[in-house]
Amino acid sequence: MTYLLAHQGGWDEILLVVGPILVLGGLLRLANKRADKLNEEADAKVRR
């Protein structure tokens, strides 16, 4: 286990930064899709 926590040449530190950025980006994309869908539904109700 200690070997896994040892310095791995930099790629592990990159994952610690890029991983959360990718997760937050994915959540933002999902939220935008949901918001667009709600706006389209609201526009459809107004047009009736």
C-alpha atoms as a PDB file:
ATOM      1  CA  MET A   1       0.000   0.000   0.000  1.00  0.00           C
ATOM      2  CA  THR A   2       2.864   2.363   0.735  1.00  0.00           C
ATOM      3  CA  TYR A   3       4.135   1.920  -2.829  1.00  0.00           C
ATOM      4  CA  LEU A   4       0.792   3.150  -4.193  1.00  0.00           C
ATOM      5  CA  LEU A   5       1.025   6.309  -2.110  1.00  0.00           C
ATOM      6  CA  ALA A   6       4.632   7.039  -3.086  1.00  0.00           C
ATOM      7  CA  HIS A   7       5.546   9.611  -5.721  1.00  0.00           C
ATOM      8  CA  GLN A   8       4.694   8.238  -9.172  1.00  0.00           C
ATOM      9  CA  GLY A   9       6.479  10.766 -11.366  1.00  0.00           C
ATOM     10  CA  GLY A  10       3.769  13.393 -11.494  1.00  0.00           C
ATOM     11  CA  TRP A  11       0.892  11.619 -13.242  1.00  0.00           C
ATOM     12  CA  ASP A  12      -0.868  10.882  -9.951  1.00  0.00           C
ATOM     13  CA  GLU A  13      -0.848  14.561  -8.986  1.00  0.00           C
ATOM     14  CA  ILE A  14      -2.313  15.412 -12.380  1.00  0.00           C
ATOM     15  CA  LEU A  15      -5.176  12.975 -11.720  1.00  0.00           C
ATOM     16  CA  LEU A  16      -5.871  14.687  -8.402  1.00  0.00           C
ATOM     17  CA  VAL A  17      -6.432  17.950 -10.281  1.00  0.00           C
ATOM     18  CA  VAL A  18      -8.015  16.731 -13.521  1.00  0.00           C
ATOM     19  CA  GLY A  19     -10.367  14.215 -11.896  1.00  0.00           C
ATOM     20  CA  PRO A  20     -12.457  16.712  -9.927  1.00  0.00           C
ATOM     21  CA  ILE A  21     -12.465  19.143 -12.865  1.00  0.00           C
ATOM     22  CA  LEU A  22     -13.916  16.431 -15.116  1.00  0.00           C
ATOM     23  CA  VAL A  23     -16.534  15.508 -12.511  1.00  0.00           C
ATOM     24  CA  LEU A  24     -17.621  19.124 -12.079  1.00  0.00           C
ATOM     25  CA  GLY A  25     -17.688  19.632 -15.848  1.00  0.00           C
ATOM     26  CA  GLY A  26     -19.895  16.579 -16.261  1.00  0.00           C
ATOM     27  CA  LEU A  27     -22.268  17.769 -13.554  1.00  0.00           C
ATOM     28  CA  LEU A  28     -22.442  21.209 -15.167  1.00  0.00           C
ATOM     29  CA  ARG A  29     -23.251  19.680 -18.552  1.00  0.00           C
ATOM     30  CA  LEU A  30     -25.993  17.550 -16.974  1.00  0.00           C
ATOM     31  CA  ALA A  31     -27.471  20.581 -15.207  1.00  0.00           C
ATOM     32  CA  ASN A  32     -27.457  22.589 -18.440  1.00  0.00           C
ATOM     33  CA  LYS A  33     -29.259  19.797 -20.305  1.00  0.00           C
ATOM     34  CA  ARG A  34     -31.912  19.631 -17.601  1.00  0.00           C
ATOM     35  CA  ALA A  35     -32.329  23.408 -17.578  1.00  0.00           C
ATOM     36  CA  ASP A  36     -32.692  23.493 -21.378  1.00  0.00           C
ATOM     37  CA  LYS A  37     -35.328  20.762 -21.209  1.00  0.00           C
ATOM     38  CA  LEU A  38     -37.274  22.657 -18.533  1.00  0.00           C
ATOM     39  CA  ASN A  39     -37.102  25.859 -20.601  1.00  0.00           C
ATOM     40  CA  GLU A  40     -38.398  24.056 -23.680  1.00  0.00           C
ATOM     41  CA  GLU A  41     -41.283  22.578 -21.674  1.00  0.00           C
ATOM     42  CA  ALA A  42     -42.117  25.981 -20.197  1.00  0.00           C
ATOM     43  CA  ASP A  43     -42.057  27.585 -23.665  1.00  0.00           C
ATOM     44  CA  ALA A  44     -44.350  24.868 -25.002  1.00  0.00           C
ATOM     45  CA  LYS A  45     -46.863  25.533 -22.186  1.00  0.00           C
ATOM     46  CA  VAL A  46     -46.815  29.290 -22.846  1.00  0.00           C
ATOM     47  CA  ARG A  47     -47.460  28.794 -26.567  1.00  0.00           C
ATOM     48  CA  ARG A  48     -50.645  26.785 -25.935  1.00  0.00           C
END
